[in-house]
N, C-alpha and C. Protein backbone atom coordinates (compact mmCIF):
# COMPACT_ATOMS: atom_id res chain seq x y z
N UNK A 1 159.87 122.04 -65.38
CA UNK A 1 158.36 122.84 -64.87
C UNK A 1 157.97 124.32 -66.17
N UNK A 2 157.29 124.24 -66.64
CA UNK A 2 156.72 125.19 -67.18
C UNK A 2 156.09 126.89 -66.10
N UNK A 3 156.55 127.90 -67.02
CA UNK A 3 156.13 128.84 -66.31
C UNK A 3 154.33 128.61 -66.43
N UNK A 4 153.91 128.85 -65.46
CA UNK A 4 152.00 129.15 -65.12
C UNK A 4 151.80 130.61 -66.05
N UNK A 5 150.85 130.75 -66.40
CA UNK A 5 150.02 132.22 -67.08
C UNK A 5 149.61 132.89 -66.13
N UNK A 6 149.61 134.36 -66.49
CA UNK A 6 148.87 134.89 -65.08
C UNK A 6 147.60 135.79 -65.50
N UNK A 7 146.46 134.90 -65.38
CA UNK A 7 145.29 136.12 -65.80
C UNK A 7 145.76 137.58 -65.02
N UNK A 8 144.79 138.12 -65.61
CA UNK A 8 144.98 139.54 -65.68
C UNK A 8 143.66 139.99 -64.64
N UNK A 9 143.51 141.02 -64.28
CA UNK A 9 141.58 141.00 -62.84
C UNK A 9 140.90 140.73 -64.23
N UNK A 10 140.84 140.96 -65.04
CA UNK A 10 139.04 140.96 -65.62
C UNK A 10 139.75 139.56 -66.60
N UNK A 11 140.16 138.86 -67.02
CA UNK A 11 140.91 137.60 -67.38
C UNK A 11 140.16 136.43 -66.07
N UNK A 12 140.23 136.79 -65.20
CA UNK A 12 140.79 136.15 -63.85
C UNK A 12 138.93 136.35 -63.75
N UNK A 13 137.71 137.11 -63.56
CA UNK A 13 136.45 137.51 -63.79
C UNK A 13 135.88 137.07 -64.70
N UNK A 14 136.65 137.14 -65.87
CA UNK A 14 135.40 136.25 -66.79
C UNK A 14 135.86 134.22 -66.88
N UNK A 15 136.16 134.27 -65.57
CA UNK A 15 136.61 133.36 -66.49
C UNK A 15 135.90 131.64 -64.80
N UNK A 16 136.03 133.30 -64.63
CA UNK A 16 134.85 132.78 -62.32
C UNK A 16 133.34 133.20 -62.64
N UNK A 17 133.39 133.90 -63.97
CA UNK A 17 131.79 134.21 -64.29
C UNK A 17 131.95 133.08 -64.97
N UNK A 18 131.79 132.55 -66.44
CA UNK A 18 131.74 130.91 -67.29
C UNK A 18 132.30 130.04 -66.61
N UNK A 19 132.65 128.99 -65.06
CA UNK A 19 132.80 128.46 -64.05
C UNK A 19 131.11 128.64 -63.43
N UNK A 20 130.79 129.79 -62.68
CA UNK A 20 130.10 129.31 -62.30
C UNK A 20 128.37 129.46 -62.48
N UNK A 21 128.74 129.75 -64.23
CA UNK A 21 127.01 129.35 -65.46
C UNK A 21 128.07 128.52 -66.23
N UNK A 22 128.28 127.96 -66.64
CA UNK A 22 128.38 126.40 -66.79
C UNK A 22 127.27 125.94 -66.99
N UNK A 23 126.50 125.68 -67.99
CA UNK A 23 125.37 124.90 -67.53
C UNK A 23 124.97 122.94 -68.50
N UNK A 24 126.66 122.60 -68.67
CA UNK A 24 126.92 121.79 -69.40
C UNK A 24 128.34 120.85 -69.12
N UNK A 25 128.55 119.73 -68.51
CA UNK A 25 129.70 118.99 -67.32
C UNK A 25 129.57 118.05 -68.74
N UNK A 26 131.08 117.93 -68.47
CA UNK A 26 131.67 116.74 -69.26
C UNK A 26 131.68 115.57 -67.55
N UNK A 27 131.83 114.21 -67.95
CA UNK A 27 131.55 113.81 -66.65
C UNK A 27 132.96 113.73 -66.28
N UNK A 28 133.66 114.49 -65.42
CA UNK A 28 134.86 114.82 -65.18
C UNK A 28 134.86 116.81 -64.39
N UNK A 29 133.85 116.86 -64.93
CA UNK A 29 133.38 118.35 -64.41
C UNK A 29 132.20 118.12 -63.34
N UNK A 30 131.57 117.02 -64.34
CA UNK A 30 129.44 116.65 -63.47
C UNK A 30 130.30 115.74 -61.81
N UNK A 31 132.00 115.28 -61.54
CA UNK A 31 131.39 114.72 -60.57
C UNK A 31 132.31 115.68 -59.63
N UNK A 32 133.04 116.88 -60.74
CA UNK A 32 133.30 117.54 -59.43
C UNK A 32 132.40 118.83 -58.46
N UNK A 33 131.83 118.77 -59.69
CA UNK A 33 130.80 119.77 -58.95
C UNK A 33 129.65 119.00 -58.13
N UNK A 34 129.57 117.13 -57.87
CA UNK A 34 128.81 117.07 -57.53
C UNK A 34 130.08 116.27 -56.37
N UNK A 35 130.90 116.83 -56.19
CA UNK A 35 131.95 116.19 -55.23
C UNK A 35 131.63 114.23 -54.78
N UNK A 36 131.80 113.98 -56.03
CA UNK A 36 132.23 112.23 -56.38
C UNK A 36 133.13 112.09 -57.31
N UNK A 37 132.92 111.13 -57.27
CA UNK A 37 134.36 110.64 -57.90
C UNK A 37 133.46 110.33 -59.61
N UNK A 38 134.31 110.36 -61.09
CA UNK A 38 134.43 110.47 -62.09
C UNK A 38 133.59 108.58 -61.80
N UNK A 39 133.94 107.79 -61.22
CA UNK A 39 133.96 106.28 -61.28
C UNK A 39 132.69 105.97 -60.86
N UNK A 40 132.30 106.69 -59.26
CA UNK A 40 130.68 106.58 -59.54
C UNK A 40 129.56 106.76 -60.96
N UNK A 41 129.40 108.55 -61.21
CA UNK A 41 129.38 108.39 -62.57
C UNK A 41 129.53 107.92 -62.92
N UNK A 42 130.25 106.66 -63.80
CA UNK A 42 130.14 106.24 -65.02
C UNK A 42 129.86 104.69 -64.73
N UNK A 43 129.20 103.92 -63.22
CA UNK A 43 129.50 102.76 -62.69
C UNK A 43 127.42 103.53 -62.63
N UNK A 44 127.36 104.09 -62.46
CA UNK A 44 125.15 104.44 -62.17
C UNK A 44 125.18 105.20 -63.98
N UNK A 45 125.64 105.77 -64.73
CA UNK A 45 124.96 105.16 -66.12
C UNK A 45 125.12 103.95 -66.46
N UNK A 46 125.89 102.64 -66.40
CA UNK A 46 125.72 101.45 -66.51
C UNK A 46 124.50 100.94 -65.98
N UNK A 47 124.81 100.54 -63.93
CA UNK A 47 123.82 100.48 -63.51
C UNK A 47 122.46 101.35 -63.70
N UNK A 48 122.17 102.35 -63.55
CA UNK A 48 120.97 103.11 -63.44
C UNK A 48 121.61 104.09 -62.28
N UNK A 49 119.96 104.45 -62.03
CA UNK A 49 119.84 105.41 -60.64
C UNK A 49 120.54 106.75 -60.26
N UNK A 50 121.78 107.10 -61.72
CA UNK A 50 122.83 108.21 -61.11
C UNK A 50 121.52 109.29 -62.54
N UNK A 51 122.57 110.09 -62.43
CA UNK A 51 121.88 111.22 -62.81
C UNK A 51 121.93 111.32 -64.54
N UNK A 52 120.43 111.81 -64.92
CA UNK A 52 120.09 111.82 -66.54
C UNK A 52 121.40 112.89 -66.86
N UNK A 53 121.58 111.98 -68.83
CA UNK A 53 122.92 112.66 -69.72
C UNK A 53 122.23 112.64 -71.01
N UNK A 54 123.56 113.27 -71.86
CA UNK A 54 123.33 113.32 -72.96
C UNK A 54 124.73 112.32 -73.85
N UNK A 55 124.69 111.78 -74.86
CA UNK A 55 125.08 110.83 -75.72
C UNK A 55 125.54 111.93 -76.63
N UNK A 56 127.00 112.11 -76.72
CA UNK A 56 126.48 112.70 -78.51
C UNK A 56 128.09 112.11 -79.38
N UNK A 57 127.91 111.44 -79.32
CA UNK A 57 128.88 110.54 -80.25
C UNK A 57 129.52 109.77 -78.80
N UNK A 58 131.03 109.94 -78.63
CA UNK A 58 131.27 109.14 -77.51
C UNK A 58 131.37 109.43 -76.08
N UNK A 59 131.02 110.76 -76.74
CA UNK A 59 130.90 112.03 -74.84
C UNK A 59 129.74 112.19 -74.21
N UNK A 60 129.84 111.75 -73.17
CA UNK A 60 128.70 112.27 -72.45
C UNK A 60 128.83 113.42 -71.22
N UNK A 61 127.67 114.24 -71.51
CA UNK A 61 127.62 115.57 -71.28
C UNK A 61 126.30 115.23 -69.39
N UNK A 62 126.44 115.92 -69.77
CA UNK A 62 124.83 116.03 -68.01
C UNK A 62 125.50 117.90 -67.73
N UNK A 63 124.03 118.72 -67.44
CA UNK A 63 123.13 119.06 -67.43
C UNK A 63 122.71 120.41 -66.77
N UNK A 64 122.95 121.01 -65.56
CA UNK A 64 123.50 121.76 -64.33
C UNK A 64 122.02 120.73 -63.98
N UNK A 65 121.23 121.42 -64.40
CA UNK A 65 119.82 120.83 -64.28
C UNK A 65 119.41 119.44 -63.81
N UNK A 66 119.51 118.50 -64.38
CA UNK A 66 119.78 117.43 -63.86
C UNK A 66 120.99 116.93 -63.13
N UNK A 67 121.67 116.93 -62.57
CA UNK A 67 122.81 117.18 -61.83
C UNK A 67 121.95 118.03 -59.97
N UNK A 68 121.20 119.17 -60.95
CA UNK A 68 120.31 119.49 -59.02
C UNK A 68 119.81 118.29 -58.74
N UNK A 69 118.53 118.54 -59.65
CA UNK A 69 117.75 117.45 -60.04
C UNK A 69 117.83 116.53 -58.97
N UNK A 70 119.55 115.28 -59.46
CA UNK A 70 119.47 114.22 -59.53
C UNK A 70 119.61 114.63 -57.88
N UNK A 71 120.60 115.60 -57.52
CA UNK A 71 120.72 115.49 -56.06
C UNK A 71 119.90 115.78 -55.22
N UNK A 72 119.35 116.68 -55.47
CA UNK A 72 117.96 116.83 -54.73
C UNK A 72 116.49 115.61 -54.52
N UNK A 73 116.33 114.66 -55.43
CA UNK A 73 115.85 112.99 -55.85
C UNK A 73 116.59 112.62 -54.24
N UNK A 74 117.71 112.40 -54.24
CA UNK A 74 118.39 112.05 -53.32
C UNK A 74 118.27 112.22 -51.82
N UNK A 75 118.09 113.85 -51.79
CA UNK A 75 119.04 114.08 -49.86
C UNK A 75 117.31 113.32 -49.93
N UNK A 76 117.51 113.36 -47.95
CA UNK A 76 117.61 112.50 -47.02
C UNK A 76 117.05 113.32 -45.70
N UNK A 77 117.11 113.01 -44.64
CA UNK A 77 116.45 114.01 -43.52
C UNK A 77 117.01 112.88 -42.14
N UNK A 78 116.82 111.68 -42.66
CA UNK A 78 118.45 110.72 -41.37
C UNK A 78 117.99 109.54 -42.40
N UNK A 79 119.08 109.13 -41.82
CA UNK A 79 119.61 107.54 -41.74
C UNK A 79 118.48 106.80 -42.65
N UNK A 80 117.53 106.68 -41.78
CA UNK A 80 115.98 105.79 -41.88
C UNK A 80 115.25 106.13 -43.27
N UNK A 81 115.54 106.87 -43.93
CA UNK A 81 115.28 107.51 -44.80
C UNK A 81 115.62 106.52 -45.75
N UNK A 82 116.74 105.49 -45.81
CA UNK A 82 117.18 105.18 -47.12
C UNK A 82 116.66 104.53 -48.04
């Protein structure tokens, strides 16, 4: 097991700031942000109904705004609304 690098308080604060203010996500990061699986986002890209995304060559990227909009569009007040 390799030793882990210890961040200084300034490095930690900068990393935390960057994570909180990130505007573009990979599929894995978007899944983590939404608390869903990567496989679900991949399935929704194929079948439709998921958040909007950009295809950059082979890379897929999601904007934070698109993830928030998709989440809001799927909000429900009770189970009968589905």
